[in-house]
Amino acid sequence: YTTIRWKSKISGHASLEVFDALGRKVKTLIDEFRQQGNYTEYFDSEELPSGTYFNHLKVGNNVTTIKMIIMK
């Protein structure tokens, strides 16, 4: 499991998706309205092979992408 902590300074529709190195979406962790605040999401990567992945977080018009490496 991987823990993803994030903070939103605004309220709005939030989506947190995981993409592989080829840009294919492998998992949607959240896709809902969130109030401003601190959040913790848990990502079960058990079914994914080792490799480089990207967490794509979008809240309103704010977008953040974070690189993640899964090693087994």
Protein backbone atom coordinates (compact mmCIF):
# COMPACT_ATOMS: atom_id res chain seq x y z
CA TYR A 1 0.00 0.00 0.00
CA THR A 2 1.01 3.59 -0.63
CA THR A 3 -0.23 6.58 1.33
CA ILE A 4 -0.94 9.75 -0.62
CA ARG A 5 -1.37 12.86 1.52
CA TRP A 6 -2.60 16.09 -0.02
CA LYS A 7 -3.98 19.46 0.97
CA SER A 8 -6.54 21.53 -0.89
CA LYS A 9 -6.78 25.25 -0.31
CA ILE A 10 -10.11 25.38 -2.14
CA SER A 11 -13.34 23.41 -2.17
CA GLY A 12 -14.33 21.81 -5.46
CA HIS A 13 -14.56 18.67 -7.53
CA ALA A 14 -11.46 16.57 -6.87
CA SER A 15 -10.05 13.70 -8.89
CA LEU A 16 -7.02 11.61 -8.04
CA GLU A 17 -5.98 9.19 -10.74
CA VAL A 18 -2.96 6.95 -11.23
CA PHE A 19 -1.36 6.58 -14.68
CA ASP A 20 1.39 4.26 -15.88
CA ALA A 21 4.51 5.48 -17.70
CA LEU A 22 2.70 5.16 -21.05
CA GLY A 23 -0.09 7.48 -19.92
CA ARG A 24 -2.74 4.80 -19.43
CA LYS A 25 -5.04 5.30 -16.45
CA VAL A 26 -4.70 2.33 -14.11
CA LYS A 27 -6.83 3.50 -11.16
CA THR A 28 -9.16 6.27 -10.03
CA LEU A 29 -8.81 6.85 -6.30
CA ILE A 30 -11.27 9.72 -5.91
CA ASP A 31 -13.74 11.50 -8.17
CA GLU A 32 -16.00 13.63 -5.99
CA PHE A 33 -16.56 17.03 -4.40
CA ARG A 34 -14.19 17.78 -1.51
CA GLN A 35 -14.08 20.67 0.94
CA GLN A 36 -10.80 22.49 1.50
CA GLY A 37 -8.58 20.68 3.97
CA ASN A 38 -6.07 17.88 4.45
CA TYR A 39 -6.68 14.42 3.04
CA THR A 40 -5.09 10.99 3.10
CA GLU A 41 -5.77 8.42 0.39
CA TYR A 42 -4.56 4.81 0.39
CA PHE A 43 -3.51 3.21 -2.86
CA ASP A 44 -3.33 -0.59 -3.10
CA SER A 45 -0.72 -1.29 -5.78
CA GLU A 46 -0.80 -5.07 -5.27
CA GLU A 47 -2.14 -5.77 -8.76
CA LEU A 48 0.35 -3.50 -10.55
CA PRO A 49 3.80 -4.53 -11.72
CA SER A 50 6.93 -2.70 -10.61
CA GLY A 51 7.50 0.49 -12.53
CA THR A 52 7.01 4.23 -12.72
CA TYR A 53 3.56 5.69 -12.17
CA PHE A 54 2.12 9.18 -11.87
CA ASN A 55 -0.49 10.47 -9.43
CA HIS A 56 -2.61 13.13 -11.14
CA LEU A 57 -4.53 15.29 -8.65
CA LYS A 58 -6.99 17.90 -9.89
CA VAL A 59 -9.09 20.15 -7.63
CA GLY A 60 -11.03 22.81 -9.51
CA ASN A 61 -8.51 24.28 -11.97
CA ASN A 62 -5.47 23.29 -9.87
CA VAL A 63 -3.51 20.30 -11.15
CA THR A 64 -0.58 18.48 -9.54
CA THR A 65 1.27 15.46 -10.90
CA ILE A 66 3.61 13.42 -8.70
CA LYS A 67 5.93 10.63 -9.82
CA MET A 68 5.70 7.35 -7.92
CA ILE A 69 7.90 4.26 -8.25
CA ILE A 70 6.54 0.84 -7.29
CA MET A 71 9.17 -1.78 -6.46
CA LYS A 72 8.29 -5.35 -5.56
